Amino acid sequence: PNYPQLYGSFQNTTGGRKNLSTALACSALINMG
């Protein structure tokens, strides 16, 4: 919570936080159910 701009994100391959990795991870979680 000390970094609200990154809160909820997932790492991409290079270590940065990105939309694609977060969208894929959220989709994977939803797929798991």
All heavy atoms as atom14 arrays in JSON, in Angstrom:
{
  "sequence": "PNYPQLYGSFQNTTGGRKNLSTALACSALINMG",
  "atom14_mask": [
    [1, 1, 1, 1, 1, 1, 1, 0, 0, 0, 0, 0, 0, 0],
    [1, 1, 1, 1, 1, 1, 1, 1, 0, 0, 0, 0, 0, 0],
    [1, 1, 1, 1, 1, 1, 1, 1, 1, 1, 1, 1, 0, 0],
    [1, 1, 1, 1, 1, 1, 1, 0, 0, 0, 0, 0, 0, 0],
    [1, 1, 1, 1, 1, 1, 1, 1, 1, 0, 0, 0, 0, 0],
    [1, 1, 1, 1, 1, 1, 1, 1, 0, 0, 0, 0, 0, 0],
    [1, 1, 1, 1, 1, 1, 1, 1, 1, 1, 1, 1, 0, 0],
    [1, 1, 1, 1, 0, 0, 0, 0, 0, 0, 0, 0, 0, 0],
    [1, 1, 1, 1, 1, 1, 0, 0, 0, 0, 0, 0, 0, 0],
    [1, 1, 1, 1, 1, 1, 1, 1, 1, 1, 1, 0, 0, 0],
    [1, 1, 1, 1, 1, 1, 1, 1, 1, 0, 0, 0, 0, 0],
    [1, 1, 1, 1, 1, 1, 1, 1, 0, 0, 0, 0, 0, 0],
    [1, 1, 1, 1, 1, 1, 1, 0, 0, 0, 0, 0, 0, 0],
    [1, 1, 1, 1, 1, 1, 1, 0, 0, 0, 0, 0, 0, 0],
    [1, 1, 1, 1, 0, 0, 0, 0, 0, 0, 0, 0, 0, 0],
    [1, 1, 1, 1, 0, 0, 0, 0, 0, 0, 0, 0, 0, 0],
    [1, 1, 1, 1, 1, 1, 1, 1, 1, 1, 1, 0, 0, 0],
    [1, 1, 1, 1, 1, 1, 1, 1, 1, 0, 0, 0, 0, 0],
    [1, 1, 1, 1, 1, 1, 1, 1, 0, 0, 0, 0, 0, 0],
    [1, 1, 1, 1, 1, 1, 1, 1, 0, 0, 0, 0, 0, 0],
    [1, 1, 1, 1, 1, 1, 0, 0, 0, 0, 0, 0, 0, 0],
    [1, 1, 1, 1, 1, 1, 1, 0, 0, 0, 0, 0, 0, 0],
    [1, 1, 1, 1, 1, 0, 0, 0, 0, 0, 0, 0, 0, 0],
    [1, 1, 1, 1, 1, 1, 1, 1, 0, 0, 0, 0, 0, 0],
    [1, 1, 1, 1, 1, 0, 0, 0, 0, 0, 0, 0, 0, 0],
    [1, 1, 1, 1, 1, 1, 0, 0, 0, 0, 0, 0, 0, 0],
    [1, 1, 1, 1, 1, 1, 0, 0, 0, 0, 0, 0, 0, 0],
    [1, 1, 1, 1, 1, 0, 0, 0, 0, 0, 0, 0, 0, 0],
    [1, 1, 1, 1, 1, 1, 1, 1, 0, 0, 0, 0, 0, 0],
    [1, 1, 1, 1, 1, 1, 1, 1, 0, 0, 0, 0, 0, 0],
    [1, 1, 1, 1, 1, 1, 1, 1, 0, 0, 0, 0, 0, 0],
    [1, 1, 1, 1, 1, 1, 1, 1, 0, 0, 0, 0, 0, 0],
    [1, 1, 1, 1, 0, 0, 0, 0, 0, 0, 0, 0, 0, 0]
  ],
  "atom14_positions": [
    [[0.81, -1.23, 0.0], [0.0, 0.0, 0.0], [0.84, 1.27, 0.0], [0.32, 2.36, -0.27], [-0.83, -0.12, 1.28], [-0.11, -1.09, 2.14], [0.66, -2.01, 1.23], [0.0, 0.0, 0.0], [0.0, 0.0, 0.0], [0.0, 0.0, 0.0], [0.0, 0.0, 0.0], [0.0, 0.0, 0.0], [0.0, 0.0, 0.0], [0.0, 0.0, 0.0]],
    [[2.13, 1.17, 0.27], [3.0, 2.36, 0.25], [3.29, 2.84, -1.16], [3.85, 3.91, -1.34], [4.32, 2.06, 0.98], [4.09, 1.8, 2.45], [3.29, 2.48, 3.08], [4.77, 0.81, 2.99], [0.0, 0.0, 0.0], [0.0, 0.0, 0.0], [0.0, 0.0, 0.0], [0.0, 0.0, 0.0], [0.0, 0.0, 0.0], [0.0, 0.0, 0.0]],
    [[2.94, 2.02, -2.17], [3.15, 2.39, -3.57], [1.83, 2.23, -4.33], [1.67, 1.3, -5.09], [4.26, 1.52, -4.18], [5.58, 1.71, -3.5], [5.97, 0.87, -2.47], [6.41, 2.76, -3.86], [7.18, 1.05, -1.82], [7.63, 2.95, -3.22], [8.0, 2.1, -2.19], [9.19, 2.3, -1.56], [0.0, 0.0, 0.0], [0.0, 0.0, 0.0]],
    [[0.92, 3.16, -4.12], [-0.41, 3.0, -4.71], [-0.43, 2.94, -6.23], [-1.32, 2.33, -6.82], [-1.18, 4.22, -4.2], [-0.15, 5.2, -3.75], [1.07, 4.4, -3.36], [0.0, 0.0, 0.0], [0.0, 0.0, 0.0], [0.0, 0.0, 0.0], [0.0, 0.0, 0.0], [0.0, 0.0, 0.0], [0.0, 0.0, 0.0], [0.0, 0.0, 0.0]],
    [[0.56, 3.54, -6.9], [0.58, 3.51, -8.36], [0.86, 2.11, -8.9], [0.53, 1.81, -10.05], [1.59, 4.53, -8.93], [3.04, 4.17, -8.72], [3.61, 4.55, -7.35], [2.88, 4.83, -6.4], [4.92, 4.54, -7.25], [0.0, 0.0, 0.0], [0.0, 0.0, 0.0], [0.0, 0.0, 0.0], [0.0, 0.0, 0.0], [0.0, 0.0, 0.0]],
    [[1.47, 1.23, -8.1], [1.76, -0.14, -8.53], [0.83, -1.17, -7.9], [0.82, -2.33, -8.31], [3.21, -0.51, -8.15], [4.3, 0.32, -8.79], [5.66, -0.1, -8.27], [4.26, 0.2, -10.29], [0.0, 0.0, 0.0], [0.0, 0.0, 0.0], [0.0, 0.0, 0.0], [0.0, 0.0, 0.0], [0.0, 0.0, 0.0], [0.0, 0.0, 0.0]],
    [[0.05, -0.76, -6.93], [-0.78, -1.69, -6.17], [-1.72, -2.48, -7.09], [-2.46, -1.91, -7.88], [-1.61, -0.93, -5.13], [-2.33, -1.82, -4.16], [-1.69, -2.27, -3.02], [-3.64, -2.22, -4.38], [-2.34, -3.1, -2.12], [-4.3, -3.04, -3.5], [-3.64, -3.49, -2.36], [-4.29, -4.31, -1.48], [0.0, 0.0, 0.0], [0.0, 0.0, 0.0]],
    [[-1.64, -3.8, -7.0], [-2.5, -4.67, -7.8], [-1.84, -5.19, -9.06], [-2.38, -6.05, -9.75], [0.0, 0.0, 0.0], [0.0, 0.0, 0.0], [0.0, 0.0, 0.0], [0.0, 0.0, 0.0], [0.0, 0.0, 0.0], [0.0, 0.0, 0.0], [0.0, 0.0, 0.0], [0.0, 0.0, 0.0], [0.0, 0.0, 0.0], [0.0, 0.0, 0.0]],
    [[-0.65, -4.69, -9.4], [0.0, -5.08, -10.65], [0.76, -6.4, -10.51], [1.03, -6.86, -9.41], [0.95, -3.98, -11.12], [2.04, -3.84, -10.23], [0.0, 0.0, 0.0], [0.0, 0.0, 0.0], [0.0, 0.0, 0.0], [0.0, 0.0, 0.0], [0.0, 0.0, 0.0], [0.0, 0.0, 0.0], [0.0, 0.0, 0.0], [0.0, 0.0, 0.0]],
    [[1.1, -6.96, -11.65], [1.93, -8.17, -11.72], [3.15, -7.85, -12.56], [3.07, -7.12, -13.54], [1.16, -9.32, -12.36], [0.15, -9.96, -11.46], [-1.12, -9.4, -11.31], [0.45, -11.11, -10.75], [-2.06, -9.98, -10.49], [-0.49, -11.7, -9.92], [-1.75, -11.13, -9.78], [0.0, 0.0, 0.0], [0.0, 0.0, 0.0], [0.0, 0.0, 0.0]],
    [[4.27, -8.44, -12.17], [5.55, -8.22, -12.85], [5.54, -8.78, -14.26], [4.97, -9.83, -14.5], [6.62, -8.96, -12.06], [7.89, -8.26, -11.91], [8.84, -9.06, -11.03], [8.76, -10.27, -10.94], [9.74, -8.37, -10.4], [0.0, 0.0, 0.0], [0.0, 0.0, 0.0], [0.0, 0.0, 0.0], [0.0, 0.0, 0.0], [0.0, 0.0, 0.0]],
    [[6.23, -8.08, -15.14], [6.45, -8.66, -16.46], [7.83, -9.3, -16.48], [8.5, -9.35, -15.45], [6.25, -7.64, -17.58], [7.36, -6.6, -17.65], [8.43, -6.75, -17.05], [7.11, -5.54, -18.37], [0.0, 0.0, 0.0], [0.0, 0.0, 0.0], [0.0, 0.0, 0.0], [0.0, 0.0, 0.0], [0.0, 0.0, 0.0], [0.0, 0.0, 0.0]],
    [[8.27, -9.77, -17.6], [9.53, -10.5, -17.7], [10.73, -9.66, -17.31], [11.68, -10.16, -16.7], [9.71, -11.04, -19.13], [8.55, -11.8, -19.44], [10.91, -11.94, -19.24], [0.0, 0.0, 0.0], [0.0, 0.0, 0.0], [0.0, 0.0, 0.0], [0.0, 0.0, 0.0], [0.0, 0.0, 0.0], [0.0, 0.0, 0.0], [0.0, 0.0, 0.0]],
    [[10.72, -8.39, -17.6], [11.88, -7.55, -17.33], [11.88, -6.98, -15.93], [12.79, -6.25, -15.56], [11.95, -6.39, -18.35], [10.76, -5.61, -18.23], [12.11, -6.91, -19.75], [0.0, 0.0, 0.0], [0.0, 0.0, 0.0], [0.0, 0.0, 0.0], [0.0, 0.0, 0.0], [0.0, 0.0, 0.0], [0.0, 0.0, 0.0], [0.0, 0.0, 0.0]],
    [[10.88, -7.29, -15.14], [10.84, -6.82, -13.76], [9.96, -5.61, -13.55], [9.63, -5.28, -12.43], [0.0, 0.0, 0.0], [0.0, 0.0, 0.0], [0.0, 0.0, 0.0], [0.0, 0.0, 0.0], [0.0, 0.0, 0.0], [0.0, 0.0, 0.0], [0.0, 0.0, 0.0], [0.0, 0.0, 0.0], [0.0, 0.0, 0.0], [0.0, 0.0, 0.0]],
    [[9.57, -4.93, -14.61], [8.69, -3.78, -14.48], [7.25, -4.22, -14.29], [6.91, -5.38, -14.41], [0.0, 0.0, 0.0], [0.0, 0.0, 0.0], [0.0, 0.0, 0.0], [0.0, 0.0, 0.0], [0.0, 0.0, 0.0], [0.0, 0.0, 0.0], [0.0, 0.0, 0.0], [0.0, 0.0, 0.0], [0.0, 0.0, 0.0], [0.0, 0.0, 0.0]],
    [[6.41, -3.28, -13.96], [4.97, -3.58, -13.81], [4.28, -3.15, -15.09], [4.47, -2.03, -15.56], [4.38, -2.82, -12.63], [5.13, -3.01, -11.35], [4.89, -4.37, -10.76], [5.85, -4.61, -9.7], [5.89, -5.69, -8.99], [5.05, -6.66, -9.2], [6.79, -5.84, -8.06], [0.0, 0.0, 0.0], [0.0, 0.0, 0.0], [0.0, 0.0, 0.0]],
    [[3.48, -4.0, -15.66], [2.87, -3.69, -16.95], [1.42, -4.14, -17.0], [1.0, -5.06, -16.29], [3.64, -4.37, -18.08], [5.06, -3.93, -18.23], [5.12, -2.52, -18.79], [6.56, -2.09, -18.96], [6.72, -0.7, -19.16], [0.0, 0.0, 0.0], [0.0, 0.0, 0.0], [0.0, 0.0, 0.0], [0.0, 0.0, 0.0], [0.0, 0.0, 0.0]],
    [[0.69, -3.53, -17.91], [-0.72, -3.88, -18.1], [-0.91, -5.31, -18.59], [-1.8, -6.01, -18.12], [-1.36, -2.94, -19.12], [-1.6, -1.57, -18.55], [-1.23, -1.27, -17.43], [-2.22, -0.73, -19.34], [0.0, 0.0, 0.0], [0.0, 0.0, 0.0], [0.0, 0.0, 0.0], [0.0, 0.0, 0.0], [0.0, 0.0, 0.0], [0.0, 0.0, 0.0]],
    [[-0.12, -5.71, -19.57], [-0.32, -7.04, -20.15], [-0.14, -8.14, -19.12], [-0.97, -9.05, -19.02], [0.61, -7.27, -21.34], [0.5, -8.63, -22.03], [-0.92, -8.89, -22.53], [1.51, -8.74, -23.16], [0.0, 0.0, 0.0], [0.0, 0.0, 0.0], [0.0, 0.0, 0.0], [0.0, 0.0, 0.0], [0.0, 0.0, 0.0], [0.0, 0.0, 0.0]],
    [[0.91, -8.07, -18.33], [1.13, -9.11, -17.32], [0.01, -9.12, -16.29], [-0.44, -10.18, -15.85], [2.49, -8.94, -16.65], [2.62, -7.67, -16.07], [0.0, 0.0, 0.0], [0.0, 0.0, 0.0], [0.0, 0.0, 0.0], [0.0, 0.0, 0.0], [0.0, 0.0, 0.0], [0.0, 0.0, 0.0], [0.0, 0.0, 0.0], [0.0, 0.0, 0.0]],
    [[-0.49, -7.95, -15.93], [-1.58, -7.87, -14.96], [-2.88, -8.42, -15.56], [-3.6, -9.17, -14.91], [-1.77, -6.42, -14.48], [-0.54, -5.98, -13.88], [-2.89, -6.31, -13.45], [0.0, 0.0, 0.0], [0.0, 0.0, 0.0], [0.0, 0.0, 0.0], [0.0, 0.0, 0.0], [0.0, 0.0, 0.0], [0.0, 0.0, 0.0], [0.0, 0.0, 0.0]],
    [[-3.16, -8.07, -16.8], [-4.36, -8.58, -17.46], [-4.3, -10.11, -17.61], [-5.29, -10.8, -17.36], [-4.54, -7.93, -18.83], [0.0, 0.0, 0.0], [0.0, 0.0, 0.0], [0.0, 0.0, 0.0], [0.0, 0.0, 0.0], [0.0, 0.0, 0.0], [0.0, 0.0, 0.0], [0.0, 0.0, 0.0], [0.0, 0.0, 0.0], [0.0, 0.0, 0.0]],
    [[-3.14, -10.63, -17.99], [-3.0, -12.08, -18.14], [-3.14, -12.79, -16.79], [-3.8, -13.83, -16.69], [-1.65, -12.43, -18.77], [-1.48, -12.09, -20.24], [-0.02, -12.21, -20.66], [-2.37, -12.97, -21.11], [0.0, 0.0, 0.0], [0.0, 0.0, 0.0], [0.0, 0.0, 0.0], [0.0, 0.0, 0.0], [0.0, 0.0, 0.0], [0.0, 0.0, 0.0]],
    [[-2.53, -12.23, -15.75], [-2.61, -12.85, -14.42], [-4.04, -12.82, -13.89], [-4.53, -13.81, -13.33], [-1.66, -12.15, -13.45], [0.0, 0.0, 0.0], [0.0, 0.0, 0.0], [0.0, 0.0, 0.0], [0.0, 0.0, 0.0], [0.0, 0.0, 0.0], [0.0, 0.0, 0.0], [0.0, 0.0, 0.0], [0.0, 0.0, 0.0], [0.0, 0.0, 0.0]],
    [[-4.73, -11.69, -14.07], [-6.14, -11.61, -13.63], [-7.0, -12.6, -14.4], [-7.85, -13.28, -13.81], [-6.67, -10.2, -13.79], [-6.03, -9.04, -12.57], [0.0, 0.0, 0.0], [0.0, 0.0, 0.0], [0.0, 0.0, 0.0], [0.0, 0.0, 0.0], [0.0, 0.0, 0.0], [0.0, 0.0, 0.0], [0.0, 0.0, 0.0], [0.0, 0.0, 0.0]],
    [[-6.76, -12.71, -15.7], [-7.51, -13.68, -16.5], [-7.23, -15.1, -16.04], [-8.15, -15.93, -15.96], [-7.15, -13.54, -17.98], [-7.55, -12.29, -18.47], [0.0, 0.0, 0.0], [0.0, 0.0, 0.0], [0.0, 0.0, 0.0], [0.0, 0.0, 0.0], [0.0, 0.0, 0.0], [0.0, 0.0, 0.0], [0.0, 0.0, 0.0], [0.0, 0.0, 0.0]],
    [[-5.97, -15.4, -15.72], [-5.62, -16.73, -15.22], [-6.34, -17.03, -13.91], [-6.87, -18.13, -13.72], [-4.11, -16.86, -15.05], [0.0, 0.0, 0.0], [0.0, 0.0, 0.0], [0.0, 0.0, 0.0], [0.0, 0.0, 0.0], [0.0, 0.0, 0.0], [0.0, 0.0, 0.0], [0.0, 0.0, 0.0], [0.0, 0.0, 0.0], [0.0, 0.0, 0.0]],
    [[-6.35, -16.06, -13.01], [-7.06, -16.26, -11.74], [-8.54, -16.5, -11.97], [-9.14, -17.4, -11.37], [-6.84, -15.06, -10.82], [-5.45, -14.94, -10.2], [-5.26, -13.57, -9.55], [-5.19, -16.05, -9.19], [0.0, 0.0, 0.0], [0.0, 0.0, 0.0], [0.0, 0.0, 0.0], [0.0, 0.0, 0.0], [0.0, 0.0, 0.0], [0.0, 0.0, 0.0]],
    [[-9.14, -15.72, -12.83], [-10.56, -15.9, -13.14], [-10.79, -17.27, -13.77], [-11.75, -17.95, -13.45], [-11.08, -14.75, -14.04], [-11.1, -13.44, -13.24], [-12.46, -15.07, -14.6], [-11.28, -12.2, -14.09], [0.0, 0.0, 0.0], [0.0, 0.0, 0.0], [0.0, 0.0, 0.0], [0.0, 0.0, 0.0], [0.0, 0.0, 0.0], [0.0, 0.0, 0.0]],
    [[-9.89, -17.69, -14.66], [-10.0, -19.02, -15.27], [-9.95, -20.14, -14.23], [-10.6, -21.16, -14.38], [-8.89, -19.25, -16.3], [-9.1, -18.49, -17.58], [-10.2, -18.01, -17.87], [-8.04, -18.36, -18.36], [0.0, 0.0, 0.0], [0.0, 0.0, 0.0], [0.0, 0.0, 0.0], [0.0, 0.0, 0.0], [0.0, 0.0, 0.0], [0.0, 0.0, 0.0]],
    [[-9.15, -19.96, -13.19], [-9.04, -20.98, -12.15], [-10.34, -21.11, -11.38], [-10.73, -22.2, -11.0], [-7.9, -20.63, -11.2], [-6.54, -20.75, -11.83], [-5.29, -20.29, -10.62], [-4.01, -19.7, -11.7], [0.0, 0.0, 0.0], [0.0, 0.0, 0.0], [0.0, 0.0, 0.0], [0.0, 0.0, 0.0], [0.0, 0.0, 0.0], [0.0, 0.0, 0.0]],
    [[-10.96, -20.0, -11.11], [-12.28, -20.0, -10.5], [-12.31, -19.93, -8.99], [-11.37, -20.31, -8.28], [0.0, 0.0, 0.0], [0.0, 0.0, 0.0], [0.0, 0.0, 0.0], [0.0, 0.0, 0.0], [0.0, 0.0, 0.0], [0.0, 0.0, 0.0], [0.0, 0.0, 0.0], [0.0, 0.0, 0.0], [0.0, 0.0, 0.0], [0.0, 0.0, 0.0]]
  ]
}
